[in-house]
Amino acid sequence: MELTKYTHATVVLTDGDDTLVIDPGAYTPNSAELIAATTAVLITHDHPDHVDPSLLTEALENRPELRVWAPASVADDLGAHDGRVTAVSPGDTFQAAGFDIAVVGGQHAEIHPDVPSPTNVGYVVNGSVYHPGDAYFVPDVAVQTLLVPTSGPWAKLSELVEFIRAVHPTRAVQIHDLMLSEPGRGMFAQYSEQLTDIELTTLDDGQSITV
């Protein structure tokens, strides 16, 4: 299985002819292109850096083979589209474009006590790759590849380190990094590796690794 990292939180998983797109948000310049090339999209929560409702609505109207799974806040906004938009909650399991998906999490990380935290789900794909959305939720399953958010108004290095320690993956990959400069991404990777003994891989937009 190949993992390709795109701008910020967008990730594409490819297994043979099957592709799965996670969080093609408005901050990702080629989200429309990525959606057009897949039949399955997973959304973690309703913030615009993770979902572009207008893009998904247009794609759902024009492509009857496209399916979307998302928390109810997003699914309700998109509409049913003949049952091709499915609301998910932690504990759900399903197949999307040939990939086995387990839904975990439930709550967005706190930005500030005065800012309401929306629903946020994470996805464990094929029992090995975990995209947590905007949270450091530790799933009750072994994970080989952990996608680690490193920037945002809620992100914090100490919590990131404890997240990686708790999940204890084989590898960690930096995502949600648009707010960091190149030196900033390098600094997070350096501290993370020093404190967890697990390399935090930094990928350029469009770069792929085998997972």
Foldseek 3Di string as FASTA:
>chain_A
DKWAAAAFQWIWDDDPQAIEIFQLAPVTPCSLVVQVSHQEYEFFDDDRSRHDLVSVLVCLVVPVSHAYEYAPVNLVVSDCSVPRYHHDDAQDWDDDRRKTKHKHDFWAADLDPVDDIHTGIWIQINQEEIRRDRDLDADPGAYAEYEFEDDDSRHDLVSSLVSCQRNVHVAYEYHNCNVDDPVRVVVSQVVSCVRRVHGHHYDYHGDMDDD
